[in-house]
């Protein structure tokens, strides 16, 4: 595997992680009732304070 293909793969993973993060931020900006309506799994955990993030972009597959 060449260095350029490794850099390309890392850039692709970073781009996908950034898109997931932006989607998560947009969904968290919605009211809790709307999150429950669309079936967002974390809406039920708001009262307990649990939050499962998307993980780090490097190696969170």
N, C-alpha and C. Protein backbone atom coordinates (compact mmCIF):
# COMPACT_ATOMS: atom_id res chain seq x y z
N UNK A 1 0.86 -1.17 0.00
CA UNK A 1 0.00 0.00 0.00
C UNK A 1 0.91 1.24 0.00
N UNK A 2 0.68 2.10 -0.94
CA UNK A 2 1.51 3.29 -1.04
C UNK A 2 1.05 4.36 -0.05
N UNK A 3 1.91 5.31 0.16
CA UNK A 3 1.60 6.40 1.09
C UNK A 3 0.42 7.23 0.59
N UNK A 4 0.31 7.40 -0.73
CA UNK A 4 -0.80 8.19 -1.27
C UNK A 4 -2.14 7.49 -1.07
N UNK A 5 -2.15 6.17 -1.22
CA UNK A 5 -3.41 5.45 -1.00
C UNK A 5 -3.78 5.48 0.49
N UNK A 6 -2.79 5.44 1.37
CA UNK A 6 -3.07 5.54 2.81
C UNK A 6 -3.64 6.91 3.16
N UNK A 7 -3.06 7.95 2.60
CA UNK A 7 -3.57 9.30 2.85
C UNK A 7 -4.98 9.45 2.30
N UNK A 8 -5.22 8.89 1.13
CA UNK A 8 -6.57 8.95 0.54
C UNK A 8 -7.59 8.23 1.38
N UNK A 9 -7.20 7.06 1.92
CA UNK A 9 -8.11 6.30 2.77
C UNK A 9 -8.42 7.07 4.05
N UNK A 10 -7.40 7.67 4.65
CA UNK A 10 -7.62 8.47 5.86
C UNK A 10 -8.51 9.67 5.59
N UNK A 11 -8.30 10.31 4.45
CA UNK A 11 -9.14 11.46 4.09
C UNK A 11 -10.59 11.04 3.90
N UNK A 12 -10.80 9.88 3.30
CA UNK A 12 -12.16 9.36 3.10
C UNK A 12 -12.82 9.05 4.43
N UNK A 13 -12.08 8.40 5.34
CA UNK A 13 -12.62 8.09 6.66
C UNK A 13 -12.95 9.36 7.44
N UNK A 14 -12.08 10.35 7.36
CA UNK A 14 -12.31 11.61 8.05
C UNK A 14 -13.55 12.30 7.50
N UNK A 15 -13.71 12.29 6.19
CA UNK A 15 -14.87 12.93 5.57
C UNK A 15 -16.17 12.25 6.01
N UNK A 16 -16.17 10.92 6.06
CA UNK A 16 -17.36 10.18 6.49
C UNK A 16 -17.67 10.46 7.96
N UNK A 17 -16.64 10.51 8.79
CA UNK A 17 -16.85 10.78 10.22
C UNK A 17 -17.39 12.19 10.42
N UNK A 18 -16.89 13.13 9.65
CA UNK A 18 -17.38 14.51 9.75
C UNK A 18 -18.85 14.60 9.34
N UNK A 19 -19.22 13.88 8.30
CA UNK A 19 -20.62 13.87 7.87
C UNK A 19 -21.51 13.26 8.96
N UNK A 20 -21.05 12.17 9.60
CA UNK A 20 -21.82 11.56 10.69
C UNK A 20 -21.97 12.54 11.85
N UNK A 21 -20.89 13.23 12.19
CA UNK A 21 -20.91 14.19 13.29
C UNK A 21 -21.89 15.33 13.00
N UNK A 22 -21.87 15.85 11.78
CA UNK A 22 -22.77 16.94 11.43
C UNK A 22 -24.22 16.48 11.45
N UNK A 23 -24.47 15.25 11.01
CA UNK A 23 -25.83 14.71 11.06
C UNK A 23 -26.29 14.57 12.51
N UNK A 24 -25.40 14.06 13.37
CA UNK A 24 -25.75 13.91 14.78
C UNK A 24 -26.05 15.26 15.42
N UNK A 25 -25.26 16.27 15.11
CA UNK A 25 -25.51 17.62 15.65
C UNK A 25 -26.86 18.15 15.19
N UNK A 26 -27.21 17.92 13.92
CA UNK A 26 -28.48 18.40 13.39
C UNK A 26 -29.65 17.70 14.09
N UNK A 27 -29.52 16.40 14.32
CA UNK A 27 -30.60 15.66 14.98
C UNK A 27 -30.71 16.08 16.44
N UNK A 28 -29.59 16.31 17.11
CA UNK A 28 -29.63 16.74 18.51
C UNK A 28 -30.22 18.15 18.65
N UNK A 29 -30.20 18.92 17.59
CA UNK A 29 -30.77 20.27 17.63
C UNK A 29 -32.29 20.24 17.55
N UNK A 30 -32.85 19.11 17.15
CA UNK A 30 -34.31 18.98 17.06
C UNK A 30 -34.90 18.82 18.45
N UNK A 31 -36.17 19.19 18.62
CA UNK A 31 -36.83 18.96 19.91
C UNK A 31 -36.89 17.47 20.24
N UNK A 32 -36.89 17.14 21.53
CA UNK A 32 -36.90 15.75 21.98
C UNK A 32 -38.08 14.99 21.39
N UNK A 33 -39.24 15.62 21.32
CA UNK A 33 -40.43 14.95 20.80
C UNK A 33 -40.21 14.53 19.35
N UNK A 34 -39.59 15.39 18.57
CA UNK A 34 -39.32 15.07 17.17
C UNK A 34 -38.28 13.97 17.06
N UNK A 35 -37.29 13.98 17.94
CA UNK A 35 -36.28 12.92 17.94
C UNK A 35 -36.94 11.57 18.22
N UNK A 36 -37.88 11.55 19.16
CA UNK A 36 -38.59 10.31 19.47
C UNK A 36 -39.44 9.87 18.28
N UNK A 37 -40.07 10.83 17.58
CA UNK A 37 -40.91 10.50 16.44
C UNK A 37 -40.12 9.83 15.32
N UNK A 38 -38.88 10.28 15.11
CA UNK A 38 -38.08 9.69 14.03
C UNK A 38 -37.32 8.46 14.51
N UNK A 39 -37.44 8.15 15.80
CA UNK A 39 -36.82 6.94 16.33
C UNK A 39 -35.35 7.09 16.66
N UNK A 40 -34.93 8.30 16.97
CA UNK A 40 -33.53 8.51 17.35
C UNK A 40 -33.30 7.78 18.67
N UNK A 41 -32.35 6.86 18.73
CA UNK A 41 -32.21 6.00 19.92
C UNK A 41 -31.79 6.73 21.18
N UNK A 42 -31.14 7.87 21.09
CA UNK A 42 -30.66 8.56 22.27
C UNK A 42 -31.72 9.43 22.93
N UNK A 43 -32.86 9.60 22.30
CA UNK A 43 -33.90 10.47 22.86
C UNK A 43 -34.39 9.93 24.20
N UNK A 44 -34.40 8.62 24.37
CA UNK A 44 -34.86 8.02 25.62
C UNK A 44 -33.83 8.16 26.73
N UNK A 45 -32.56 8.35 26.37
CA UNK A 45 -31.49 8.42 27.36
C UNK A 45 -31.20 9.83 27.85
N UNK A 46 -31.99 10.81 27.46
CA UNK A 46 -31.72 12.19 27.85
C UNK A 46 -31.83 12.37 29.35
N UNK A 47 -32.82 11.75 29.97
CA UNK A 47 -33.01 11.93 31.40
C UNK A 47 -31.93 11.25 32.23
N UNK A 48 -31.29 10.20 31.69
CA UNK A 48 -30.23 9.51 32.43
C UNK A 48 -28.87 10.13 32.19
N UNK A 49 -28.76 10.97 31.19
CA UNK A 49 -27.50 11.63 30.91
C UNK A 49 -26.54 10.79 30.08
N UNK A 50 -26.99 9.65 29.60
CA UNK A 50 -26.13 8.81 28.77
C UNK A 50 -26.07 9.37 27.36
N UNK A 51 -24.89 9.31 26.78
CA UNK A 51 -24.75 9.76 25.40
C UNK A 51 -23.71 8.88 24.73
N UNK A 52 -24.12 8.20 23.69
CA UNK A 52 -23.21 7.36 22.93
C UNK A 52 -22.84 8.10 21.66
N UNK A 53 -21.63 8.57 21.57
CA UNK A 53 -21.19 9.35 20.42
C UNK A 53 -20.81 8.48 19.24
N UNK A 54 -20.39 9.13 18.18
CA UNK A 54 -20.01 8.41 16.97
C UNK A 54 -18.61 7.83 17.08
N UNK A 55 -17.90 8.12 18.12
CA UNK A 55 -16.55 7.61 18.29
C UNK A 55 -15.54 8.49 17.60
N UNK A 56 -14.31 8.10 17.73
CA UNK A 56 -13.28 8.88 17.06
C UNK A 56 -13.26 8.50 15.59
N UNK A 57 -12.82 9.40 14.77
CA UNK A 57 -12.85 9.13 13.33
C UNK A 57 -11.80 8.11 12.93
N UNK A 58 -10.75 7.97 13.68
CA UNK A 58 -9.68 7.04 13.31
C UNK A 58 -9.93 5.69 13.97
N UNK A 59 -10.38 4.75 13.22
CA UNK A 59 -10.53 3.41 13.73
C UNK A 59 -11.87 3.07 14.33
N UNK A 60 -12.85 3.93 14.25
CA UNK A 60 -14.18 3.63 14.77
C UNK A 60 -15.02 3.04 13.65
N UNK A 61 -14.78 1.77 13.37
CA UNK A 61 -15.47 1.13 12.24
C UNK A 61 -16.54 0.19 12.72
